[in-house]
Amino acid sequence: MDVYQAPECQVVLEARAEQPLRLRAGEAREVRLHFGRIAEYPWLSSLVARQASSSRVWDPVGGRPRGESAESYLANTLRSVPEFTALFDRWSVVSVSAEKVLLKPAAELPLAAGAPLPPGSRLPYDALLIVGLQR
């Protein structure tokens, strides 16, 4: 069996008062961040549900987007939302992958009071998330 050495990539965890934890890859030009479950980040789970609640693409009654998979919808949404892309500072988001999208009734999600959704609406709130970044 041949063994090839991979190029070195230092990963640094940096703690700051204004940003509790920050991940930086040394000199790498491209990295993939595995967030895990979106529901582990309440602000992100809420963002996903809010975006779907006001989207013309997401069908809240059917609990799915029109014309694409829930995974594609979620990935495309996060790629275009400034509140999410701003997290990565000087990195460009080159890919977003969402798998195993989970739904909840709108009444169980932290949406603005009086959100105009039909009873029984189902919105995405969780998925496995992987983000590709490039400098």
Protein backbone atom coordinates (compact mmCIF):
# COMPACT_ATOMS: atom_id res chain seq x y z
CA MET A 1 0.00 0.00 0.00
CA ASP A 2 1.31 3.45 -0.94
CA VAL A 3 0.98 6.21 1.62
CA TYR A 4 1.10 9.82 0.47
CA GLN A 5 1.58 12.71 2.83
CA ALA A 6 -1.15 15.35 2.67
CA PRO A 7 -0.16 19.02 2.62
CA GLU A 8 -0.11 20.51 6.07
CA CYS A 9 -2.98 22.75 7.13
CA GLN A 10 -2.89 24.33 10.55
CA VAL A 11 -6.23 24.86 12.21
CA VAL A 12 -6.45 27.44 14.96
CA LEU A 13 -9.28 27.93 17.45
CA GLU A 14 -9.41 31.51 18.57
CA ALA A 15 -11.55 32.82 21.45
CA ARG A 16 -12.57 36.48 21.69
CA ALA A 17 -15.00 38.34 23.91
CA GLU A 18 -17.13 39.57 20.99
CA GLN A 19 -16.91 36.24 19.11
CA PRO A 20 -16.76 33.26 21.49
CA LEU A 21 -15.11 30.83 19.08
CA ARG A 22 -13.49 31.25 15.69
CA LEU A 23 -11.96 28.70 13.34
CA ARG A 24 -9.12 29.69 11.04
CA ALA A 25 -7.27 27.42 8.63
CA GLY A 26 -3.61 28.47 8.40
CA GLU A 27 -2.58 29.16 4.83
CA ALA A 28 -5.31 27.11 3.19
CA ARG A 29 -7.05 28.71 0.22
CA GLU A 30 -10.09 26.45 0.50
CA VAL A 31 -11.78 24.81 3.50
CA ARG A 32 -14.96 22.88 4.22
CA LEU A 33 -16.72 23.56 7.51
CA HIS A 34 -19.01 20.87 8.88
CA PHE A 35 -21.51 22.63 11.11
CA GLY A 36 -23.40 19.48 12.02
CA ARG A 37 -27.10 19.97 12.78
CA ILE A 38 -28.50 23.46 12.16
CA ALA A 39 -30.78 23.03 15.21
CA GLU A 40 -27.66 23.16 17.41
CA TYR A 41 -27.41 26.85 16.43
CA PRO A 42 -30.78 28.35 17.48
CA TRP A 43 -30.14 31.64 15.63
CA LEU A 44 -29.45 29.72 12.40
CA SER A 45 -32.45 27.42 12.83
CA SER A 46 -34.63 30.49 13.37
CA LEU A 47 -33.12 32.21 10.31
CA VAL A 48 -33.90 29.20 8.10
CA ALA A 49 -37.52 29.05 9.33
CA ARG A 50 -38.03 32.82 8.91
CA GLN A 51 -36.65 32.76 5.37
CA ALA A 52 -38.97 29.91 4.40
CA SER A 53 -41.97 31.59 6.04
CA SER A 54 -41.64 34.59 3.70
CA SER A 55 -40.36 32.76 0.62
CA ARG A 56 -42.27 32.57 -2.65
CA VAL A 57 -40.50 29.27 -3.35
CA TRP A 58 -41.30 27.40 -0.13
CA ASP A 59 -44.83 25.91 0.03
CA PRO A 60 -45.67 25.97 3.75
CA VAL A 61 -48.83 23.87 3.36
CA GLY A 62 -47.07 21.14 1.37
CA GLY A 63 -43.92 21.43 3.48
CA ARG A 64 -41.61 21.57 0.47
CA PRO A 65 -40.24 24.04 -2.06
CA ARG A 66 -41.69 24.42 -5.53
CA GLY A 67 -39.44 23.07 -8.28
CA GLU A 68 -36.46 21.85 -6.21
CA SER A 69 -35.59 19.59 -3.30
CA ALA A 70 -35.68 20.83 0.28
CA GLU A 71 -31.91 20.31 0.43
CA SER A 72 -31.30 22.50 -2.65
CA TYR A 73 -33.71 25.14 -1.37
CA LEU A 74 -31.95 25.36 1.99
CA ALA A 75 -28.47 25.47 0.43
CA ASN A 76 -29.48 28.18 -2.07
CA THR A 77 -31.18 30.19 0.67
CA LEU A 78 -28.18 30.15 3.01
CA ARG A 79 -25.80 31.00 0.17
CA SER A 80 -27.77 34.20 -0.48
CA VAL A 81 -28.60 35.40 3.04
CA PRO A 82 -26.18 38.13 4.24
CA GLU A 83 -26.72 37.25 7.93
CA PHE A 84 -25.17 33.85 7.15
CA THR A 85 -22.49 34.74 4.59
CA ALA A 86 -21.20 37.61 6.79
CA LEU A 87 -20.00 35.00 9.30
CA PHE A 88 -17.06 34.13 7.10
CA ASP A 89 -15.33 37.51 7.04
CA ARG A 90 -12.69 37.46 4.28
CA TRP A 91 -13.70 34.06 2.92
CA SER A 92 -16.09 33.59 -0.02
CA VAL A 93 -18.83 31.00 0.28
CA VAL A 94 -18.32 28.72 -2.74
CA SER A 95 -20.65 25.90 -1.77
CA VAL A 96 -23.36 25.07 0.73
CA SER A 97 -24.64 21.55 1.23
CA ALA A 98 -27.71 20.69 3.29
CA GLU A 99 -28.78 17.11 3.94
CA LYS A 100 -31.68 15.51 5.80
CA VAL A 101 -33.86 18.62 6.09
CA LEU A 102 -36.35 18.41 8.97
CA LEU A 103 -39.65 20.31 9.22
CA LYS A 104 -41.77 21.59 12.13
CA PRO A 105 -45.19 23.18 12.33
CA ALA A 106 -44.88 26.97 12.15
CA ALA A 107 -46.60 27.30 15.55
CA GLU A 108 -43.60 25.54 17.17
CA LEU A 109 -40.99 27.82 15.60
CA PRO A 110 -39.72 31.24 16.77
CA LEU A 111 -41.41 33.34 14.09
CA ALA A 112 -42.57 36.93 14.40
CA ALA A 113 -45.99 37.32 16.00
CA GLY A 114 -48.75 37.50 13.42
CA ALA A 115 -46.78 35.77 10.66
CA PRO A 116 -49.40 35.20 7.91
CA LEU A 117 -49.11 31.43 7.54
CA PRO A 118 -51.97 28.97 7.05
CA PRO A 119 -52.74 26.58 9.92
CA GLY A 120 -50.69 23.42 9.59
CA SER A 121 -47.82 25.16 7.79
CA ARG A 122 -44.56 23.23 7.93
CA LEU A 123 -41.19 24.94 7.67
CA PRO A 124 -37.57 23.79 7.64
CA TYR A 125 -35.65 24.30 10.86
CA ASP A 126 -32.87 21.70 10.79
CA ALA A 127 -30.46 19.89 8.44
CA LEU A 128 -26.88 18.70 8.31
CA LEU A 129 -24.86 21.66 7.02
CA ILE A 130 -21.51 21.78 5.23
CA VAL A 131 -20.05 25.05 3.87
CA GLY A 132 -17.19 25.34 1.38
CA LEU A 133 -15.10 28.51 1.68
CA GLN A 134 -12.38 29.99 -0.48
CA ARG A 135 -10.00 32.92 -0.04
